Amino acid sequence: MDFGKARLQHYHNATGTTLTQDEFIKDAALPDKVATWHIADLEQAINALGGKAANFDCDGLRAVADLGGVGGMKQFVRTKGEYNPSD
């Protein structure tokens, strides 16, 4: 899994840690640790939508959030799947 600076900053904010992009790349254990946090964070965001997300597949919403961020995923759900920015 690739993580950009913004998502790593979310990880820092959530966990109280700090690491540079270089440290992240060089430490073989960190990508797995951050990926585990990332997936749990996406699950929490999906669960927080409650019934609004009931008509969507959870795996699909994780994919939407992975590509478009949690905010993009929320907008996708709010618009009943109409929100679809270009890549």
Protein backbone atom coordinates (compact mmCIF):
# COMPACT_ATOMS: atom_id res chain seq x y z
CA MET A 1 0.00 0.00 0.00
CA ASP A 2 1.27 3.45 -0.85
CA PHE A 3 0.73 6.31 1.53
CA GLY A 4 1.19 9.93 0.61
CA LYS A 5 2.23 12.73 2.91
CA ALA A 6 -1.37 13.67 3.72
CA ARG A 7 -2.36 10.15 4.82
CA LEU A 8 0.83 9.78 6.86
CA GLN A 9 -0.07 13.08 8.53
CA HIS A 10 -3.47 11.60 9.42
CA TYR A 11 -1.61 8.64 10.94
CA HIS A 12 0.61 11.02 12.94
CA ASN A 13 -2.40 12.96 14.20
CA ALA A 14 -4.26 9.79 15.19
CA THR A 15 -1.34 8.03 16.85
CA GLY A 16 0.77 10.90 18.16
CA THR A 17 3.78 9.65 16.23
CA THR A 18 6.08 11.41 13.83
CA LEU A 19 8.08 9.96 11.00
CA THR A 20 9.32 11.19 7.70
CA GLN A 21 8.46 9.72 4.33
CA ASP A 22 12.05 8.40 4.16
CA GLU A 23 11.76 6.72 7.57
CA PHE A 24 8.49 5.16 6.48
CA ILE A 25 10.08 3.77 3.32
CA LYS A 26 13.23 2.48 5.02
CA ASP A 27 11.53 0.66 7.94
CA ALA A 28 10.10 -2.61 6.62
CA ALA A 29 7.63 -2.94 9.52
CA LEU A 30 6.10 0.53 9.26
CA PRO A 31 4.09 0.05 6.05
CA ASP A 32 2.26 -2.92 7.57
CA LYS A 33 1.65 -1.04 10.82
CA VAL A 34 0.31 2.02 8.99
CA ALA A 35 -1.76 -0.17 6.64
CA THR A 36 -3.41 -1.87 9.63
CA TRP A 37 -4.24 1.55 11.09
CA HIS A 38 -5.42 2.81 7.66
CA ILE A 39 -7.90 -0.05 7.18
CA ALA A 40 -9.23 0.30 10.75
CA ASP A 41 -9.61 4.05 10.23
CA LEU A 42 -11.56 3.49 7.01
CA GLU A 43 -13.79 0.95 8.79
CA GLN A 44 -14.48 3.47 11.55
CA ALA A 45 -15.40 6.15 9.00
CA ILE A 46 -17.73 3.74 7.19
CA ASN A 47 -19.36 2.64 10.45
CA ALA A 48 -19.85 6.27 11.45
CA LEU A 49 -22.06 6.74 8.37
CA GLY A 50 -24.56 4.30 9.88
CA GLY A 51 -27.65 3.70 7.78
CA LYS A 52 -26.49 6.14 5.11
CA ALA A 53 -24.01 3.50 3.93
CA ALA A 54 -26.48 0.60 4.11
CA ASN A 55 -26.96 0.39 0.34
CA PHE A 56 -23.23 0.18 -0.35
CA ASP A 57 -20.80 -2.71 -0.16
CA CYS A 58 -18.25 -2.16 2.63
CA ASP A 59 -15.37 -3.35 0.43
CA GLY A 60 -16.46 -0.91 -2.25
CA LEU A 61 -16.58 1.96 0.23
CA ARG A 62 -13.09 1.08 1.46
CA ALA A 63 -11.89 1.25 -2.15
CA VAL A 64 -13.60 4.60 -2.67
CA ALA A 65 -12.01 5.95 0.53
CA ASP A 66 -8.63 4.51 -0.39
CA LEU A 67 -8.67 6.37 -3.70
CA GLY A 68 -10.61 9.51 -2.80
CA GLY A 69 -10.02 9.88 0.90
CA VAL A 70 -12.54 9.60 3.70
CA GLY A 71 -14.07 12.93 2.69
CA GLY A 72 -14.53 11.73 -0.87
CA MET A 73 -16.11 8.51 0.37
CA LYS A 74 -18.54 10.46 2.55
CA GLN A 75 -19.47 12.65 -0.41
CA PHE A 76 -19.92 9.54 -2.56
CA VAL A 77 -22.38 8.14 0.01
CA ARG A 78 -24.18 11.48 0.47
CA THR A 79 -24.73 11.72 -3.29
CA LYS A 80 -25.85 8.08 -3.48
CA GLY A 81 -22.89 7.22 -5.70
CA GLU A 82 -23.17 10.19 -8.03
CA TYR A 83 -19.96 11.84 -6.82
CA ASN A 84 -17.25 10.49 -9.10
CA PRO A 85 -14.29 12.84 -9.67
CA SER A 86 -11.83 11.97 -12.38
CA ASP A 87 -8.60 10.29 -11.34
